[in-house]
PDB file of all heavy atoms in Angstrom:
ATOM      1  N   ALA A   1      74.055-125.563-164.451  1.00  0.00           N
ATOM      2  CA  ALA A   1      75.008-126.435-165.154  1.00  0.00           C
ATOM      3  C   ALA A   1      76.088-126.918-164.186  1.00  0.00           C
ATOM      4  O   ALA A   1      76.499-126.180-163.280  1.00  0.00           O
ATOM      5  CB  ALA A   1      75.644-125.680-166.317  1.00  0.00           C
ATOM      6  N   PRO A   2      76.563-128.150-164.362  1.00  0.00           N
ATOM      7  CA  PRO A   2      77.581-128.718-163.461  1.00  0.00           C
ATOM      8  C   PRO A   2      78.969-128.148-163.715  1.00  0.00           C
ATOM      9  O   PRO A   2      79.853-128.817-164.257  1.00  0.00           O
ATOM     10  CB  PRO A   2      77.515-130.218-163.772  1.00  0.00           C
ATOM     11  CG  PRO A   2      77.075-130.276-165.209  1.00  0.00           C
ATOM     12  CD  PRO A   2      76.133-129.120-165.390  1.00  0.00           C
ATOM     13  N   VAL A   3      79.163-126.903-163.334  1.00  0.00           N
ATOM     14  CA  VAL A   3      80.456-126.225-163.481  1.00  0.00           C
ATOM     15  C   VAL A   3      80.859-125.669-162.126  1.00  0.00           C
ATOM     16  O   VAL A   3      80.043-125.030-161.444  1.00  0.00           O
ATOM     17  CB  VAL A   3      80.375-125.082-164.521  1.00  0.00           C
ATOM     18  CG1 VAL A   3      81.690-124.294-164.554  1.00  0.00           C
ATOM     19  CG2 VAL A   3      80.046-125.632-165.902  1.00  0.00           C
ATOM     20  N   ASN A   4      82.096-125.901-161.739  1.00  0.00           N
ATOM     21  CA  ASN A   4      82.614-125.423-160.461  1.00  0.00           C
ATOM     22  C   ASN A   4      82.860-123.917-160.581  1.00  0.00           C
ATOM     23  O   ASN A   4      83.959-123.471-160.919  1.00  0.00           O
ATOM     24  CB  ASN A   4      83.897-126.166-160.097  1.00  0.00           C
ATOM     25  CG  ASN A   4      84.382-125.842-158.690  1.00  0.00           C
ATOM     26  OD1 ASN A   4      84.033-124.807-158.121  1.00  0.00           O
ATOM     27  ND2 ASN A   4      85.179-126.725-158.126  1.00  0.00           N
ATOM     28  N   ILE A   5      81.830-123.138-160.280  1.00  0.00           N
ATOM     29  CA  ILE A   5      81.901-121.692-160.449  1.00  0.00           C
ATOM     30  C   ILE A   5      82.864-121.060-159.441  1.00  0.00           C
ATOM     31  O   ILE A   5      83.522-120.060-159.741  1.00  0.00           O
ATOM     32  CB  ILE A   5      80.500-121.078-160.333  1.00  0.00           C
ATOM     33  CG1 ILE A   5      79.634-121.557-161.500  1.00  0.00           C
ATOM     34  CG2 ILE A   5      80.553-119.556-160.321  1.00  0.00           C
ATOM     35  CD1 ILE A   5      78.207-121.094-161.441  1.00  0.00           C
ATOM     36  N   ALA A   6      82.956-121.641-158.258  1.00  0.00           N
ATOM     37  CA  ALA A   6      83.882-121.097-157.244  1.00  0.00           C
ATOM     38  C   ALA A   6      85.320-121.192-157.749  1.00  0.00           C
ATOM     39  O   ALA A   6      86.106-120.232-157.634  1.00  0.00           O
ATOM     40  CB  ALA A   6      83.721-121.861-155.935  1.00  0.00           C
ATOM     41  N   GLU A   7      85.686-122.331-158.327  1.00  0.00           N
ATOM     42  CA  GLU A   7      87.044-122.484-158.865  1.00  0.00           C
ATOM     43  C   GLU A   7      87.260-121.556-160.048  1.00  0.00           C
ATOM     44  O   GLU A   7      88.329-120.940-160.172  1.00  0.00           O
ATOM     45  CB  GLU A   7      87.272-123.939-159.296  1.00  0.00           C
ATOM     46  CG  GLU A   7      88.683-124.175-159.835  1.00  0.00           C
ATOM     47  CD  GLU A   7      88.858-125.557-160.429  1.00  0.00           C
ATOM     48  OE1 GLU A   7      87.941-126.022-161.143  1.00  0.00           O
ATOM     49  OE2 GLU A   7      89.920-126.173-160.203  1.00  0.00           O
ATOM     50  N   LEU A   8      86.271-121.447-160.908  1.00  0.00           N
ATOM     51  CA  LEU A   8      86.385-120.556-162.065  1.00  0.00           C
ATOM     52  C   LEU A   8      86.608-119.117-161.615  1.00  0.00           C
ATOM     53  O   LEU A   8      87.457-118.406-162.166  1.00  0.00           O
ATOM     54  CB  LEU A   8      85.116-120.670-162.920  1.00  0.00           C
ATOM     55  CG  LEU A   8      84.997-119.735-164.123  1.00  0.00           C
ATOM     56  CD1 LEU A   8      86.197-119.858-165.045  1.00  0.00           C
ATOM     57  CD2 LEU A   8      83.697-120.010-164.879  1.00  0.00           C
ATOM     58  N   THR A   9      85.868-118.691-160.607  1.00  0.00           N
ATOM     59  CA  THR A   9      86.032-117.334-160.076  1.00  0.00           C
ATOM     60  C   THR A   9      87.441-117.141-159.534  1.00  0.00           C
ATOM     61  O   THR A   9      88.081-116.100-159.769  1.00  0.00           O
ATOM     62  CB  THR A   9      84.999-117.062-158.976  1.00  0.00           C
ATOM     63  OG1 THR A   9      83.688-117.308-159.476  1.00  0.00           O
ATOM     64  CG2 THR A   9      85.081-115.620-158.501  1.00  0.00           C
ATOM     65  N   ASP A  10      87.937-118.121-158.809  1.00  0.00           N
ATOM     66  CA  ASP A  10      89.303-118.038-158.266  1.00  0.00           C
ATOM     67  C   ASP A  10      90.338-117.891-159.375  1.00  0.00           C
ATOM     68  O   ASP A  10      91.284-117.096-159.258  1.00  0.00           O
ATOM     69  CB  ASP A  10      89.612-119.284-157.435  1.00  0.00           C
ATOM     70  CG  ASP A  10      88.972-119.243-156.056  1.00  0.00           C
ATOM     71  OD1 ASP A  10      88.738-118.135-155.536  1.00  0.00           O
ATOM     72  OD2 ASP A  10      88.696-120.324-155.497  1.00  0.00           O
ATOM     73  N   LEU A  11      90.184-118.661-160.449  1.00  0.00           N
ATOM     74  CA  LEU A  11      91.149-118.596-161.552  1.00  0.00           C
ATOM     75  C   LEU A  11      91.144-117.225-162.215  1.00  0.00           C
ATOM     76  O   LEU A  11      92.204-116.690-162.565  1.00  0.00           O
ATOM     77  CB  LEU A  11      90.837-119.681-162.589  1.00  0.00           C
ATOM     78  CG  LEU A  11      91.076-121.139-162.155  1.00  0.00           C
ATOM     79  CD1 LEU A  11      90.671-122.100-163.267  1.00  0.00           C
ATOM     80  CD2 LEU A  11      92.539-121.361-161.776  1.00  0.00           C
ATOM     81  N   LEU A  12      89.964-116.641-162.373  1.00  0.00           N
ATOM     82  CA  LEU A  12      89.880-115.313-162.990  1.00  0.00           C
ATOM     83  C   LEU A  12      90.535-114.252-162.106  1.00  0.00           C
ATOM     84  O   LEU A  12      91.156-113.310-162.611  1.00  0.00           O
ATOM     85  CB  LEU A  12      88.416-114.953-163.253  1.00  0.00           C
ATOM     86  CG  LEU A  12      87.665-115.834-164.258  1.00  0.00           C
ATOM     87  CD1 LEU A  12      86.204-115.400-164.361  1.00  0.00           C
ATOM     88  CD2 LEU A  12      88.326-115.800-165.630  1.00  0.00           C
ATOM     89  N   ILE A  13      90.418-114.412-160.806  1.00  0.00           N
ATOM     90  CA  ILE A  13      91.027-113.454-159.878  1.00  0.00           C
ATOM     91  C   ILE A  13      92.543-113.621-159.849  1.00  0.00           C
ATOM     92  O   ILE A  13      93.291-112.634-159.782  1.00  0.00           O
ATOM     93  CB  ILE A  13      90.429-113.629-158.469  1.00  0.00           C
ATOM     94  CG1 ILE A  13      88.964-113.166-158.453  1.00  0.00           C
ATOM     95  CG2 ILE A  13      91.230-112.843-157.426  1.00  0.00           C
ATOM     96  CD1 ILE A  13      88.239-113.428-157.152  1.00  0.00           C
ATOM     97  N   GLN A  14      93.022-114.859-159.922  1.00  0.00           N
ATOM     98  CA  GLN A  14      94.462-115.121-159.883  1.00  0.00           C
ATOM     99  C   GLN A  14      95.191-114.470-161.053  1.00  0.00           C
ATOM    100  O   GLN A  14      96.308-113.972-160.896  1.00  0.00           O
ATOM    101  CB  GLN A  14      94.712-116.632-159.893  1.00  0.00           C
ATOM    102  CG  GLN A  14      94.329-117.336-158.594  1.00  0.00           C
ATOM    103  CD  GLN A  14      94.390-118.850-158.722  1.00  0.00           C
ATOM    104  OE1 GLN A  14      94.994-119.390-159.662  1.00  0.00           O
ATOM    105  NE2 GLN A  14      93.755-119.547-157.793  1.00  0.00           N
ATOM    106  N   GLN A  15      94.578-114.467-162.229  1.00  0.00           N
ATOM    107  CA  GLN A  15      95.226-113.883-163.413  1.00  0.00           C
ATOM    108  C   GLN A  15      94.772-112.437-163.575  1.00  0.00           C
ATOM    109  O   GLN A  15      94.218-112.049-164.596  1.00  0.00           O
ATOM    110  CB  GLN A  15      94.891-114.714-164.658  1.00  0.00           C
ATOM    111  CG  GLN A  15      93.389-114.867-164.882  1.00  0.00           C
ATOM    112  CD  GLN A  15      93.065-115.611-166.163  1.00  0.00           C
ATOM    113  OE1 GLN A  15      93.739-116.560-166.534  1.00  0.00           O
ATOM    114  NE2 GLN A  15      92.024-115.167-166.858  1.00  0.00           N
ATOM    115  N   ASN A  16      95.039-111.619-162.563  1.00  0.00           N
ATOM    116  CA  ASN A  16      94.490-110.257-162.553  1.00  0.00           C
ATOM    117  C   ASN A  16      95.195-109.305-163.518  1.00  0.00           C
ATOM    118  O   ASN A  16      94.870-108.114-163.552  1.00  0.00           O
ATOM    119  CB  ASN A  16      94.492-109.682-161.139  1.00  0.00           C
ATOM    120  CG  ASN A  16      95.882-109.629-160.534  1.00  0.00           C
ATOM    121  OD1 ASN A  16      96.860-109.954-161.194  1.00  0.00           O
ATOM    122  ND2 ASN A  16      95.959-109.242-159.277  1.00  0.00           N
ATOM    123  N   HIS A  17      96.159-109.810-164.292  1.00  0.00           N
ATOM    124  CA  HIS A  17      96.722-108.967-165.352  1.00  0.00           C
ATOM    125  C   HIS A  17      95.798-108.960-166.574  1.00  0.00           C
ATOM    126  O   HIS A  17      96.018-108.207-167.526  1.00  0.00           O
ATOM    127  CB  HIS A  17      98.113-109.468-165.757  1.00  0.00           C
ATOM    128  CG  HIS A  17      98.118-110.833-166.389  1.00  0.00           C
ATOM    129  ND1 HIS A  17      97.863-111.982-165.671  1.00  0.00           N
ATOM    130  CD2 HIS A  17      98.324-111.235-167.674  1.00  0.00           C
ATOM    131  CE1 HIS A  17      97.921-113.033-166.475  1.00  0.00           C
ATOM    132  NE2 HIS A  17      98.198-112.592-167.692  1.00  0.00           N
ATOM    133  N   ILE A  18      94.763-109.801-166.507  1.00  0.00           N
ATOM    134  CA  ILE A  18      93.774-109.876-167.582  1.00  0.00           C
ATOM    135  C   ILE A  18      92.393-109.612-166.992  1.00  0.00           C
ATOM    136  O   ILE A  18      92.018-110.183-165.975  1.00  0.00           O
ATOM    137  CB  ILE A  18      93.776-111.285-168.235  1.00  0.00           C
ATOM    138  CG1 ILE A  18      95.096-111.563-168.934  1.00  0.00           C
ATOM    139  CG2 ILE A  18      92.609-111.428-169.213  1.00  0.00           C
ATOM    140  CD1 ILE A  18      95.345-110.703-170.152  1.00  0.00           C
ATOM    141  N   GLY A  19      91.630-108.744-167.635  1.00  0.00           N
ATOM    142  CA  GLY A  19      90.244-108.559-167.245  1.00  0.00           C
ATOM    143  C   GLY A  19      89.987-107.324-166.397  1.00  0.00           C
ATOM    144  O   GLY A  19      90.886-106.757-165.770  1.00  0.00           O
ATOM    145  N   SER A  20      88.727-106.924-166.358  1.00  0.00           N
ATOM    146  CA  SER A  20      88.301-105.737-165.617  1.00  0.00           C
ATOM    147  C   SER A  20      86.921-105.968-165.021  1.00  0.00           C
ATOM    148  O   SER A  20      86.146-106.807-165.506  1.00  0.00           O
ATOM    149  CB  SER A  20      88.223-104.513-166.543  1.00  0.00           C
ATOM    150  OG  SER A  20      89.423-104.310-167.254  1.00  0.00           O
ATOM    151  N   VAL A  21      86.631-105.209-163.973  1.00  0.00           N
ATOM    152  CA  VAL A  21      85.279-105.156-163.426  1.00  0.00           C
ATOM    153  C   VAL A  21      84.787-103.719-163.548  1.00  0.00           C
ATOM    154  O   VAL A  21      85.590-102.780-163.569  1.00  0.00           O
ATOM    155  CB  VAL A  21      85.226-105.600-161.943  1.00  0.00           C
ATOM    156  CG1 VAL A  21      85.564-107.067-161.802  1.00  0.00           C
ATOM    157  CG2 VAL A  21      86.147-104.754-161.081  1.00  0.00           C
ATOM    158  N   ILE A  22      83.486-103.548-163.647  1.00  0.00           N
ATOM    159  CA  ILE A  22      82.931-102.191-163.699  1.00  0.00           C
ATOM    160  C   ILE A  22      82.144-101.937-162.426  1.00  0.00           C
ATOM    161  O   ILE A  22      81.385-102.783-161.954  1.00  0.00           O
ATOM    162  CB  ILE A  22      82.049-101.955-164.943  1.00  0.00           C
ATOM    163  CG1 ILE A  22      80.973-103.039-165.087  1.00  0.00           C
ATOM    164  CG2 ILE A  22      82.888-101.872-166.186  1.00  0.00           C
ATOM    165  CD1 ILE A  22      80.018-102.781-166.220  1.00  0.00           C
ATOM    166  N   LYS A  23      82.383-100.754-161.867  1.00  0.00           N
ATOM    167  CA  LYS A  23      81.725-100.335-160.635  1.00  0.00           C
ATOM    168  C   LYS A  23      81.201 -98.926-160.804  1.00  0.00           C
ATOM    169  O   LYS A  23      81.668 -98.165-161.653  1.00  0.00           O
ATOM    170  CB  LYS A  23      82.705-100.383-159.452  1.00  0.00           C
ATOM    171  CG  LYS A  23      83.316-101.757-159.200  1.00  0.00           C
ATOM    172  CD  LYS A  23      84.272-101.734-158.013  1.00  0.00           C
ATOM    173  CE  LYS A  23      84.916-103.089-157.791  1.00  0.00           C
ATOM    174  NZ  LYS A  23      85.835-103.087-156.618  1.00  0.00           N
ATOM    175  N   GLN A  24      80.244 -98.583-159.970  1.00  0.00           N
ATOM    176  CA  GLN A  24      79.721 -97.222-159.967  1.00  0.00           C
ATOM    177  C   GLN A  24      80.745 -96.313-159.304  1.00  0.00           C
ATOM    178  O   GLN A  24      81.293 -96.627-158.257  1.00  0.00           O
ATOM    179  CB  GLN A  24      78.390 -97.170-159.226  1.00  0.00           C
ATOM    180  CG  GLN A  24      77.716 -95.817-159.253  1.00  0.00           C
ATOM    181  CD  GLN A  24      76.340 -95.835-158.616  1.00  0.00           C
ATOM    182  OE1 GLN A  24      75.739 -96.890-158.482  1.00  0.00           O
ATOM    183  NE2 GLN A  24      75.856 -94.681-158.217  1.00  0.00           N
ATOM    184  N   THR A  25      81.005 -95.176-159.924  1.00  0.00           N
ATOM    185  CA  THR A  25      82.010 -94.261-159.386  1.00  0.00           C
ATOM    186  C   THR A  25      81.390 -93.278-158.409  1.00  0.00           C
ATOM    187  O   THR A  25      80.210 -92.931-158.507  1.00  0.00           O
ATOM    188  CB  THR A  25      82.686 -93.465-160.512  1.00  0.00           C
ATOM    189  OG1 THR A  25      81.683 -92.732-161.221  1.00  0.00           O
ATOM    190  CG2 THR A  25      83.398 -94.387-161.464  1.00  0.00           C
ATOM    191  N   ASP A  26      82.216 -92.830-157.481  1.00  0.00           N
ATOM    192  CA  ASP A  26      81.840 -91.770-156.542  1.00  0.00           C
ATOM    193  C   ASP A  26      80.501 -92.032-155.865  1.00  0.00           C
ATOM    194  O   ASP A  26      79.570 -91.227-155.933  1.00  0.00           O
ATOM    195  CB  ASP A  26      81.772 -90.410-157.258  1.00  0.00           C
ATOM    196  CG  ASP A  26      83.100 -90.029-157.877  1.00  0.00           C
ATOM    197  OD1 ASP A  26      84.134 -90.400-157.299  1.00  0.00           O
ATOM    198  OD2 ASP A  26      83.095 -89.379-158.938  1.00  0.00           O
ATOM    199  N   VAL A  27      80.406 -93.188-155.218  1.00  0.00           N
ATOM    200  CA  VAL A  27      79.197 -93.494-154.457  1.00  0.00           C
ATOM    201  C   VAL A  27      79.222 -92.678-153.178  1.00  0.00           C
ATOM    202  O   VAL A  27      80.090 -92.861-152.322  1.00  0.00           O
ATOM    203  CB  VAL A  27      79.114 -95.002-154.122  1.00  0.00           C
ATOM    204  CG1 VAL A  27      77.863 -95.288-153.292  1.00  0.00           C
ATOM    205  CG2 VAL A  27      79.094 -95.813-155.403  1.00  0.00           C
ATOM    206  N   SER A  28      78.299 -91.746-153.037  1.00  0.00           N
ATOM    207  CA  SER A  28      78.278 -90.853-151.879  1.00  0.00           C
ATOM    208  C   SER A  28      77.784 -91.586-150.639  1.00  0.00           C
ATOM    209  O   SER A  28      76.882 -92.416-150.698  1.00  0.00           O
ATOM    210  CB  SER A  28      77.368 -89.651-152.155  1.00  0.00           C
ATOM    211  OG  SER A  28      77.188 -88.880-150.995  1.00  0.00           O
ATOM    212  N   GLU A  29      78.405 -91.271-149.512  1.00  0.00           N
ATOM    213  CA  GLU A  29      77.955 -91.856-148.246  1.00  0.00           C
ATOM    214  C   GLU A  29      76.554 -91.385-147.888  1.00  0.00           C
ATOM    215  O   GLU A  29      75.831 -92.037-147.139  1.00  0.00           O
ATOM    216  CB  GLU A  29      78.929 -91.486-147.118  1.00  0.00           C
ATOM    217  CG  GLU A  29      80.312 -92.090-147.298  1.00  0.00           C
ATOM    218  CD  GLU A  29      81.238 -91.719-146.154  1.00  0.00           C
ATOM    219  OE1 GLU A  29      80.784 -90.963-145.264  1.00  0.00           O
ATOM    220  OE2 GLU A  29      82.397 -92.181-146.144  1.00  0.00           O
ATOM    221  N   ASP A  30      76.165 -90.215-148.427  1.00  0.00           N
ATOM    222  CA  ASP A  30      74.847 -89.656-148.129  1.00  0.00           C
ATOM    223  C   ASP A  30      73.799 -90.066-149.156  1.00  0.00           C
ATOM    224  O   ASP A  30      72.672 -89.597-149.129  1.00  0.00           O
ATOM    225  CB  ASP A  30      74.921 -88.122-148.087  1.00  0.00           C
ATOM    226  CG  ASP A  30      75.877 -87.629-147.013  1.00  0.00           C
ATOM    227  OD1 ASP A  30      75.985 -88.316-145.976  1.00  0.00           O
ATOM    228  OD2 ASP A  30      76.498 -86.572-147.215  1.00  0.00           O
ATOM    229  N   SER A  31      74.199 -90.948-150.085  1.00  0.00           N
ATOM    230  CA  SER A  31      73.273 -91.350-151.139  1.00  0.00           C
ATOM    231  C   SER A  31      72.059 -92.060-150.568  1.00  0.00           C
ATOM    232  O   SER A  31      72.150 -92.842-149.632  1.00  0.00           O
ATOM    233  CB  SER A  31      73.991 -92.272-152.139  1.00  0.00           C
ATOM    234  OG  SER A  31      73.083 -92.775-153.085  1.00  0.00           O
ATOM    235  N   ASP A  32      70.892 -91.747-151.166  1.00  0.00           N
ATOM    236  CA  ASP A  32      69.662 -92.406-150.738  1.00  0.00           C
ATOM    237  C   ASP A  32      69.627 -93.860-151.183  1.00  0.00           C
ATOM    238  O   ASP A  32      68.941 -94.688-150.604  1.00  0.00           O
ATOM    239  CB  ASP A  32      68.430 -91.676-151.314  1.00  0.00           C
ATOM    240  CG  ASP A  32      68.273 -90.293-150.708  1.00  0.00           C
ATOM    241  OD1 ASP A  32      68.755 -90.096-149.577  1.00  0.00           O
ATOM    242  OD2 ASP A  32      67.672 -89.425-151.365  1.00  0.00           O
ATOM    243  N   ASP A  33      70.361 -94.176-152.256  1.00  0.00           N
ATOM    244  CA  ASP A  33      70.367 -95.542-152.775  1.00  0.00           C
ATOM    245  C   ASP A  33      71.288 -96.409-151.942  1.00  0.00           C
ATOM    246  O   ASP A  33      72.377 -96.001-151.548  1.00  0.00           O
ATOM    247  CB  ASP A  33      70.834 -95.561-154.234  1.00  0.00           C
ATOM    248  CG  ASP A  33      69.867 -94.807-155.128  1.00  0.00           C
ATOM    249  OD1 ASP A  33      68.659 -94.836-154.820  1.00  0.00           O
ATOM    250  OD2 ASP A  33      70.322 -94.199-156.112  1.00  0.00           O
ATOM    251  N   ASP A  34      70.842 -97.620-151.697  1.00  0.00           N
ATOM    252  CA  ASP A  34      71.638 -98.572-150.921  1.00  0.00           C
ATOM    253  C   ASP A  34      72.629 -99.257-151.851  1.00  0.00           C
ATOM    254  O   ASP A  34      72.415-100.379-152.314  1.00  0.00           O
ATOM    255  CB  ASP A  34      70.707 -99.591-150.262  1.00  0.00           C
ATOM    256  CG  ASP A  34      71.468-100.535-149.328  1.00  0.00           C
ATOM    257  OD1 ASP A  34      72.604-100.193-148.964  1.00  0.00           O
ATOM    258  OD2 ASP A  34      70.914-101.599-148.984  1.00  0.00           O
ATOM    259  N   VAL A  35      73.730 -98.557-152.172  1.00  0.00           N
ATOM    260  CA  VAL A  35      74.710 -99.042-153.128  1.00  0.00           C
ATOM    261  C   VAL A  35      76.039 -99.278-152.427  1.00  0.00           C
ATOM    262  O   VAL A  35      76.580 -98.385-151.783  1.00  0.00           O
ATOM    263  CB  VAL A  35      74.908 -98.036-154.294  1.00  0.00           C
ATOM    264  CG1 VAL A  35      75.958 -98.552-155.265  1.00  0.00           C
ATOM    265  CG2 VAL A  35      73.586 -97.801-155.016  1.00  0.00           C
ATOM    266  N   ASP A  36      76.563-100.473-152.564  1.00  0.00           N
ATOM    267  CA  ASP A  36      77.870-100.814-152.025  1.00  0.00           C
ATOM    268  C   ASP A  36      78.930-100.329-153.008  1.00  0.00           C
ATOM    269  O   ASP A  36      78.869-100.629-154.203  1.00  0.00           O
ATOM    270  CB  ASP A  36      77.949-102.334-151.845  1.00  0.00           C
ATOM    271  CG  ASP A  36      79.278-102.784-151.252  1.00  0.00           C
ATOM    272  OD1 ASP A  36      80.169-101.926-151.052  1.00  0.00           O
ATOM    273  OD2 ASP A  36      79.429-103.989-151.000  1.00  0.00           O
ATOM    274  N   GLU A  37      79.895 -99.556-152.522  1.00  0.00           N
ATOM    275  CA  GLU A  37      80.910 -99.005-153.419  1.00  0.00           C
ATOM    276  C   GLU A  37      81.745-100.088-154.074  1.00  0.00           C
ATOM    277  O   GLU A  37      82.375 -99.856-155.111  1.00  0.00           O
ATOM    278  CB  GLU A  37      81.818 -98.027-152.666  1.00  0.00           C
ATOM    279  CG  GLU A  37      82.607 -98.657-151.537  1.00  0.00           C
ATOM    280  CD  GLU A  37      83.478 -97.651-150.825  1.00  0.00           C
ATOM    281  OE1 GLU A  37      83.370 -96.441-151.136  1.00  0.00           O
ATOM    282  OE2 GLU A  37      84.266 -98.060-149.969  1.00  0.00           O
ATOM    283  N   ASP A  38      81.774-101.300-153.503  1.00  0.00           N
ATOM    284  CA  ASP A  38      82.521-102.404-154.093  1.00  0.00           C
ATOM    285  C   ASP A  38      81.654-103.306-154.956  1.00  0.00           C
ATOM    286  O   ASP A  38      82.131-104.294-155.512  1.00  0.00           O
ATOM    287  CB  ASP A  38      83.177-103.258-152.988  1.00  0.00           C
ATOM    288  CG  ASP A  38      84.360-102.545-152.346  1.00  0.00           C
ATOM    289  OD1 ASP A  38      85.046-101.794-153.061  1.00  0.00           O
ATOM    290  OD2 ASP A  38      84.580-102.730-151.141  1.00  0.00           O
TER     291      ASP A  38
END
């Protein structure tokens, strides 16, 4: 769809008093899975 997703992403980040992201907790450095902690 013709939507400027880069600008939309920027706007969501700018208003960081609203919204959340979910991440995996306690990603071990020795983990066999290739998981980025971020």
